[in-house]
């Protein structure tokens, strides 16, 4: 079947265009490339109150689905209605992103659609879902993907091993990508936050427990340094956790909370950081790490397999959850700029050669072609 006749329905994200999370970035980067190759793409956005709904974005068709915008229900309701619309619509393949939405993979499957599920991470392990009905629902979503999906895409070797060992299920490894950026001067961040090149450490991720701020904050407080730390990211149904972190950091001018950032400010933060830190307990394939390295940053990350697989020998790791080891590595980098420069000199070339959105789009296109054959 030729590509111009393949119609893809996509759901599991919040909205595009946006940078609300890694899933939204992946969908925007991959599908804007695939429409240029002749695919017909429809993305089912969550419908939000008081927000402007669009019908098209860069040749991607946008359909807004009924959404109950309350904590724990937005993903559930939007995915259910997206599954129904994709099942009854004129689509060849339904591509579901994330484990929770994959709960509804049986609906398009019952109506004869080919189903693809991308597992961006083992979401039931997230602390905000611990012991809750949400965790059970997400775990059932994982099992539904195993049972009903024609193909499952994973983002890391560790996740590929997990599905093989847990379910004896083969998966397809398609990593996230990155684009080579332009390094820019600190203009907006200087005006807004008083930041200069190399005078801050950058943490850029959602403010949720599994990203490791519970280790980063006490480790940084112990440092004897003039550098500031920028915590760039918004909450994700974790407003109380955000308040808790800010409470610990109050009256300390070295902590700068920017909230969610994008555009010029995001680019400046990446371009001018002294080093980037990601102390996560849990990841799928961290896009902010890929982006930080593409800007030529020295990166300090926890030694979980998903982070180690990305940085290889081109970044520094510390023992997951170990505040002392994190402090020691941060202290080393703050005291020895030569080590920082060493990693900065190799990061961008390595990551941009290994990962690209064009390669990700190629691999996704190949998977669709194989499914239709």
Protein backbone atom coordinates (compact mmCIF):
# COMPACT_ATOMS: atom_id res chain seq x y z
CA UNK A 1 0.00 0.00 0.00
CA UNK A 2 1.38 3.45 -0.89
CA UNK A 3 2.00 5.94 1.89
CA UNK A 4 -0.46 8.52 0.55
CA UNK A 5 -3.30 6.09 1.33
CA UNK A 6 -2.24 5.26 4.86
CA UNK A 7 -4.39 7.09 7.39
CA UNK A 8 -3.14 7.30 10.97
CA UNK A 9 -5.19 8.23 14.06
CA UNK A 10 -3.15 9.33 17.08
CA UNK A 11 -4.15 9.75 20.72
CA UNK A 12 -2.75 9.58 24.25
CA UNK A 13 -1.26 13.08 24.30
CA UNK A 14 -2.73 16.23 25.84
CA UNK A 15 -2.68 18.73 22.99
CA UNK A 16 -0.49 19.67 20.09
CA UNK A 17 1.14 21.99 19.38
CA UNK A 18 2.62 22.24 22.88
CA UNK A 19 5.64 21.24 24.93
CA UNK A 20 3.62 20.15 27.95
CA UNK A 21 5.53 16.87 28.12
CA UNK A 22 7.74 14.48 26.23
CA UNK A 23 4.83 12.76 24.50
CA UNK A 24 3.61 16.02 22.97
CA UNK A 25 7.12 16.82 21.69
CA UNK A 26 7.50 13.36 20.14
CA UNK A 27 4.13 13.55 18.40
CA UNK A 28 4.79 17.01 17.00
CA UNK A 29 8.32 16.19 15.79
CA UNK A 30 7.48 12.82 14.22
CA UNK A 31 4.09 13.53 12.63
CA UNK A 32 5.01 16.90 11.12
CA UNK A 33 7.67 14.93 9.25
CA UNK A 34 5.37 12.07 8.28
CA UNK A 35 2.69 14.30 6.75
CA UNK A 36 5.38 15.64 4.43
CA UNK A 37 5.98 12.05 3.30
CA UNK A 38 2.39 11.57 2.25
CA UNK A 39 0.72 10.16 5.36
CA UNK A 40 -2.70 11.40 6.42
CA UNK A 41 -2.45 12.11 10.17
CA UNK A 42 -5.24 12.95 12.61
CA UNK A 43 -4.40 13.77 16.24
CA UNK A 44 -7.11 13.71 18.90
CA UNK A 45 -6.47 16.59 21.32
CA UNK A 46 -8.00 16.92 24.74
CA UNK A 47 -10.70 19.58 24.77
CA UNK A 48 -9.92 22.27 27.33
CA UNK A 49 -12.15 24.98 28.73
CA UNK A 50 -11.35 28.55 27.72
CA UNK A 51 -8.67 27.46 25.26
CA UNK A 52 -8.64 28.01 21.54
CA UNK A 53 -9.33 24.80 19.65
CA UNK A 54 -7.64 24.41 16.26
CA UNK A 55 -8.53 22.13 13.36
CA UNK A 56 -5.11 21.80 11.74
CA UNK A 57 -1.45 22.18 12.61
CA UNK A 58 1.24 21.94 9.92
CA UNK A 59 -1.00 19.68 7.77
CA UNK A 60 -1.88 17.44 10.75
CA UNK A 61 -5.64 17.24 11.22
CA UNK A 62 -6.69 18.07 14.79
CA UNK A 63 -9.90 16.75 16.35
CA UNK A 64 -10.85 17.75 19.88
CA UNK A 65 -12.47 15.07 22.03
CA UNK A 66 -14.73 15.37 25.05
CA UNK A 67 -12.57 15.66 28.20
CA UNK A 68 -13.46 15.81 31.89
CA UNK A 69 -10.67 18.12 33.05
CA UNK A 70 -10.30 16.93 36.63
CA UNK A 71 -7.23 15.32 38.20
CA UNK A 72 -7.09 11.66 37.21
CA UNK A 73 -9.95 11.88 34.70
CA UNK A 74 -8.62 13.97 31.79
CA UNK A 75 -6.53 11.18 30.25
CA UNK A 76 -9.22 8.58 30.94
CA UNK A 77 -12.12 10.42 29.32
CA UNK A 78 -10.22 11.89 26.38
CA UNK A 79 -8.66 8.51 25.54
CA UNK A 80 -12.03 6.73 25.69
CA UNK A 81 -13.66 9.14 23.26
CA UNK A 82 -10.58 9.21 21.02
CA UNK A 83 -10.64 5.40 20.89
CA UNK A 84 -14.29 5.48 19.82
CA UNK A 85 -13.70 8.13 17.16
CA UNK A 86 -10.67 6.32 15.77
CA UNK A 87 -12.56 3.00 15.76
CA UNK A 88 -15.46 4.40 13.76
CA UNK A 89 -13.34 6.72 11.60
CA UNK A 90 -11.71 6.01 8.25
CA UNK A 91 -8.26 5.10 9.56
CA UNK A 92 -5.87 2.26 8.76
CA UNK A 93 -3.70 2.47 11.87
CA UNK A 94 -4.48 3.76 15.36
CA UNK A 95 -1.34 4.82 17.22
CA UNK A 96 -1.78 5.13 21.00
CA UNK A 97 0.83 6.88 23.13
CA UNK A 98 1.36 5.91 26.82
CA UNK A 99 0.18 3.04 28.97
CA UNK A 100 -3.00 4.54 30.44
CA UNK A 101 -4.60 5.37 27.07
CA UNK A 102 -3.58 1.89 25.84
CA UNK A 103 -6.30 0.51 28.13
CA UNK A 104 -8.70 1.35 25.27
CA UNK A 105 -6.64 -0.36 22.55
CA UNK A 106 -9.27 -3.11 22.33
CA UNK A 107 -11.86 -0.67 20.91
CA UNK A 108 -10.19 0.15 17.56
CA UNK A 109 -8.91 -3.44 17.42
CA UNK A 110 -12.51 -4.76 17.58
CA UNK A 111 -13.32 -2.64 14.54
CA UNK A 112 -10.49 -4.07 12.46
CA UNK A 113 -7.91 -1.32 12.84
CA UNK A 114 -4.21 -1.98 13.09
CA UNK A 115 -3.07 -0.81 16.54
CA UNK A 116 0.35 0.52 17.55
CA UNK A 117 1.19 1.48 21.14
CA UNK A 118 4.22 3.52 22.16
CA UNK A 119 5.24 2.97 25.78
CA UNK A 120 6.99 6.17 26.87
CA UNK A 121 7.64 4.86 30.38
CA UNK A 122 6.27 2.50 33.01
CA UNK A 123 3.81 5.09 34.27
CA UNK A 124 2.29 2.90 36.99
CA UNK A 125 5.60 3.22 38.85
CA UNK A 126 5.22 6.98 39.25
CA UNK A 127 4.94 8.10 42.84
CA UNK A 128 1.79 10.14 42.26
CA UNK A 129 -0.04 6.91 41.33
CA UNK A 130 1.47 4.73 44.06
CA UNK A 131 -1.12 2.39 45.56
CA UNK A 132 -3.98 4.10 43.76
CA UNK A 133 -6.69 3.00 41.36
CA UNK A 134 -4.82 5.05 38.76
CA UNK A 135 -1.78 2.77 39.05
CA UNK A 136 -3.98 -0.32 38.61
CA UNK A 137 -5.70 1.24 35.59
CA UNK A 138 -2.34 2.08 34.00
CA UNK A 139 -0.98 -1.42 34.66
CA UNK A 140 -4.07 -2.89 32.97
CA UNK A 141 -3.37 -0.49 30.09
CA UNK A 142 0.11 -2.00 29.80
CA UNK A 143 -1.38 -5.50 29.67
CA UNK A 144 -3.97 -4.35 27.11
CA UNK A 145 -1.17 -3.09 24.87
CA UNK A 146 0.52 -6.48 25.14
CA UNK A 147 -2.73 -8.28 24.27
CA UNK A 148 -4.24 -6.09 21.55
CA UNK A 149 -1.47 -4.04 19.89
CA UNK A 150 -0.10 -5.26 16.58
CA UNK A 151 3.17 -3.53 17.43
CA UNK A 152 4.57 -2.05 20.64
CA UNK A 153 7.23 0.67 20.43
CA UNK A 154 9.63 1.21 23.35
CA UNK A 155 12.21 3.94 23.88
CA UNK A 156 15.04 2.10 25.61
CA UNK A 157 16.79 -1.25 25.75
CA UNK A 158 15.78 -1.60 29.41
CA UNK A 159 12.11 -1.31 28.49
CA UNK A 160 12.56 -3.79 25.65
CA UNK A 161 14.01 -6.27 28.14
CA UNK A 162 11.13 -5.60 30.57
CA UNK A 163 8.45 -6.58 28.05
CA UNK A 164 10.41 -9.64 26.97
CA UNK A 165 10.92 -10.89 30.54
CA UNK A 166 7.49 -9.92 31.89
CA UNK A 167 5.23 -10.83 28.98
CA UNK A 168 7.45 -12.69 26.48
CA UNK A 169 6.37 -9.95 24.11
CA UNK A 170 8.57 -8.65 21.31
CA UNK A 171 8.74 -4.89 20.96
CA UNK A 172 10.28 -2.45 18.50
CA UNK A 173 12.95 -0.04 19.74
CA UNK A 174 12.46 3.43 18.24
CA UNK A 175 14.34 6.08 20.24
CA UNK A 176 13.40 9.72 20.52
CA UNK A 177 15.29 12.21 18.39
CA UNK A 178 16.92 15.59 18.62
CA UNK A 179 17.67 18.49 16.27
CA UNK A 180 20.92 20.46 16.27
CA UNK A 181 20.05 23.83 17.81
CA UNK A 182 21.51 27.32 17.58
CA UNK A 183 23.37 28.47 20.69
CA UNK A 184 22.10 31.91 21.72
CA UNK A 185 23.12 34.67 24.13
CA UNK A 186 21.43 35.15 27.54
CA UNK A 187 19.14 38.11 26.87
CA UNK A 188 15.64 37.27 28.11
CA UNK A 189 16.88 35.18 31.05
CA UNK A 190 19.16 38.05 32.07
CA UNK A 191 16.25 40.50 32.08
CA UNK A 192 13.79 38.18 33.77
CA UNK A 193 15.95 36.16 36.20
CA UNK A 194 19.30 37.98 36.30
CA UNK A 195 21.12 34.98 34.81
CA UNK A 196 24.43 35.07 32.95
CA UNK A 197 26.33 32.44 31.03
CA UNK A 198 27.74 29.66 33.23
CA UNK A 199 26.46 31.14 36.50
CA UNK A 200 23.69 28.56 37.02
CA UNK A 201 22.98 24.84 37.07
CA UNK A 202 19.92 23.75 35.09
CA UNK A 203 17.23 21.26 36.10
CA UNK A 204 14.57 21.08 33.39
CA UNK A 205 11.71 18.62 33.85
CA UNK A 206 8.21 18.35 35.27
CA UNK A 207 8.16 19.00 39.02
CA UNK A 208 7.09 15.52 40.09
CA UNK A 209 8.65 13.21 42.72
CA UNK A 210 10.23 10.74 40.30
CA UNK A 211 12.39 13.46 38.72
CA UNK A 212 14.54 13.53 41.86
CA UNK A 213 14.18 17.04 43.25
CA UNK A 214 13.99 15.42 46.67
CA UNK A 215 17.68 14.58 46.23
CA UNK A 216 18.75 17.60 44.23
CA UNK A 217 17.55 20.29 46.65
CA UNK A 218 19.41 19.00 49.76
CA UNK A 219 22.52 18.20 47.69
CA UNK A 220 22.62 21.73 46.25
CA UNK A 221 21.99 23.33 49.66
CA UNK A 222 25.20 21.70 50.92
CA UNK A 223 27.29 23.16 48.07
CA UNK A 224 29.56 26.10 48.77
CA UNK A 225 29.17 27.83 45.41
CA UNK A 226 28.15 31.18 43.99
CA UNK A 227 26.19 29.45 41.25
CA UNK A 228 22.41 29.45 41.24
CA UNK A 229 20.15 26.56 40.36
CA UNK A 230 17.28 26.99 37.91
CA UNK A 231 14.33 24.64 38.38
CA UNK A 232 12.47 24.93 35.09
CA UNK A 233 9.22 23.00 34.78
CA UNK A 234 5.60 22.95 35.81
CA UNK A 235 3.55 20.61 37.96
CA UNK A 236 1.70 17.62 36.50
CA UNK A 237 -1.25 17.02 38.83
CA UNK A 238 1.38 17.55 41.56
CA UNK A 239 0.65 21.07 42.81
CA UNK A 240 1.10 20.03 46.46
CA UNK A 241 4.52 18.60 45.68
CA UNK A 242 5.49 21.85 43.94
CA UNK A 243 4.45 23.81 47.04
CA UNK A 244 6.47 21.43 49.21
CA UNK A 245 9.64 21.91 47.14
CA UNK A 246 9.23 25.69 47.04
CA UNK A 247 8.70 25.74 50.82
CA UNK A 248 12.03 23.97 51.36
CA UNK A 249 13.78 26.49 49.08
CA UNK A 250 12.12 29.69 50.32
CA UNK A 251 14.40 32.51 51.48
CA UNK A 252 17.26 31.06 49.45
CA UNK A 253 17.94 33.34 46.48
CA UNK A 254 20.05 30.71 44.74
CA UNK A 255 16.90 28.75 43.81
CA UNK A 256 15.08 30.13 40.78
CA UNK A 257 11.72 28.58 39.85
CA UNK A 258 10.66 29.50 36.32
CA UNK A 259 7.59 27.29 35.91
CA UNK A 260 6.94 25.82 32.47
CA UNK A 261 9.18 27.40 29.81
CA UNK A 262 9.38 27.28 26.03
CA UNK A 263 10.51 29.38 23.09
CA UNK A 264 13.38 31.83 23.51
CA UNK A 265 13.68 31.43 27.28
CA UNK A 266 14.00 27.66 27.00
CA UNK A 267 16.65 28.00 24.30
CA UNK A 268 18.62 30.52 26.38
CA UNK A 269 18.48 28.31 29.47
CA UNK A 270 19.92 25.38 27.53
CA UNK A 271 22.49 27.56 25.76
CA UNK A 272 24.05 29.16 28.83
CA UNK A 273 23.92 26.62 31.68
CA UNK A 274 27.14 25.69 33.52
CA UNK A 275 25.88 22.11 33.61
CA UNK A 276 22.56 20.26 33.42
CA UNK A 277 21.34 17.85 36.09
CA UNK A 278 18.64 15.16 35.93
CA UNK A 279 18.47 13.04 39.13
CA UNK A 280 15.49 10.92 38.04
CA UNK A 281 14.34 7.67 39.62
CA UNK A 282 12.22 6.80 36.59
CA UNK A 283 12.42 7.67 32.89
CA UNK A 284 11.39 6.40 29.49
CA UNK A 285 13.87 8.22 27.29
CA UNK A 286 14.41 11.72 28.72
CA UNK A 287 13.95 14.29 25.97
CA UNK A 288 15.29 17.14 28.08
CA UNK A 289 18.55 15.19 28.45
CA UNK A 290 18.80 14.73 24.68
CA UNK A 291 18.12 18.44 24.20
CA UNK A 292 20.58 19.50 26.90
CA UNK A 293 23.35 17.45 25.25
CA UNK A 294 22.44 18.82 21.80
CA UNK A 295 23.20 22.30 23.17
CA UNK A 296 26.63 21.08 24.24
CA UNK A 297 25.95 20.82 27.97
CA UNK A 298 27.88 18.82 30.50
CA UNK A 299 25.19 16.51 31.92
CA UNK A 300 25.00 14.93 35.38
CA UNK A 301 22.35 12.21 35.60
CA UNK A 302 21.27 9.35 37.85
CA UNK A 303 22.65 5.94 36.90
CA UNK A 304 19.30 4.45 35.85
CA UNK A 305 19.62 2.45 32.59
CA UNK A 306 17.51 4.91 30.57
CA UNK A 307 19.88 7.81 31.37
CA UNK A 308 23.09 5.79 31.09
CA UNK A 309 22.00 4.52 27.68
CA UNK A 310 21.73 8.12 26.44
CA UNK A 311 24.92 9.65 27.87
CA UNK A 312 27.26 6.62 27.53
CA UNK A 313 30.76 8.05 28.24
CA UNK A 314 29.73 11.59 27.32
CA UNK A 315 28.20 12.55 30.67
CA UNK A 316 28.56 11.92 34.41
CA UNK A 317 26.38 9.67 36.54
CA UNK A 318 25.70 9.39 40.27
CA UNK A 319 24.07 6.59 42.25
CA UNK A 320 20.29 6.90 42.01
CA UNK A 321 18.70 8.35 45.13
CA UNK A 322 22.07 8.93 46.83
CA UNK A 323 22.22 12.55 48.04
CA UNK A 324 25.85 12.26 49.14
CA UNK A 325 27.04 10.97 45.77
CA UNK A 326 25.00 13.64 43.96
CA UNK A 327 26.55 16.32 46.18
CA UNK A 328 30.06 14.97 45.55
CA UNK A 329 29.60 14.99 41.76
CA UNK A 330 28.05 18.49 41.77
CA UNK A 331 30.84 19.75 44.03
CA UNK A 332 33.46 18.29 41.68
CA UNK A 333 31.92 20.01 38.66
CA UNK A 334 31.56 23.35 40.45
CA UNK A 335 35.22 23.28 41.52
CA UNK A 336 36.72 22.01 38.26
CA UNK A 337 35.60 23.88 35.11
CA UNK A 338 38.04 21.82 33.02
CA UNK A 339 35.99 18.67 33.61
CA UNK A 340 32.84 20.55 32.63
CA UNK A 341 34.49 21.82 29.44
CA UNK A 342 35.68 18.31 28.60
CA UNK A 343 32.14 16.96 28.55
CA UNK A 344 30.78 20.06 26.83
CA UNK A 345 33.25 19.59 23.99
CA UNK A 346 31.87 16.16 23.01
CA UNK A 347 28.19 16.22 24.02
CA UNK A 348 26.59 17.91 21.00
CA UNK A 349 28.53 16.03 18.32
CA UNK A 350 27.87 12.69 19.96
CA UNK A 351 24.15 13.12 20.57
CA UNK A 352 23.30 14.75 17.23
CA UNK A 353 25.11 11.99 15.34
CA UNK A 354 23.39 9.22 17.28
CA UNK A 355 19.81 10.54 17.48
CA UNK A 356 17.71 12.58 15.08
CA UNK A 357 14.01 13.16 14.51
CA UNK A 358 14.49 12.22 10.85
CA UNK A 359 15.74 8.77 11.92
CA UNK A 360 12.82 8.42 14.35
CA UNK A 361 10.37 9.33 11.57
CA UNK A 362 12.09 6.85 9.22
CA UNK A 363 11.75 4.02 11.71
CA UNK A 364 8.11 4.87 12.46
CA UNK A 365 7.33 5.00 8.72
CA UNK A 366 9.00 1.60 8.20
CA UNK A 367 6.88 0.12 11.00
CA UNK A 368 3.66 1.45 9.44
CA UNK A 369 4.66 0.11 6.04
CA UNK A 370 5.34 -3.36 7.46
CA UNK A 371 1.99 -3.34 9.26
CA UNK A 372 0.06 -2.48 6.10
CA UNK A 373 1.87 -5.19 4.12
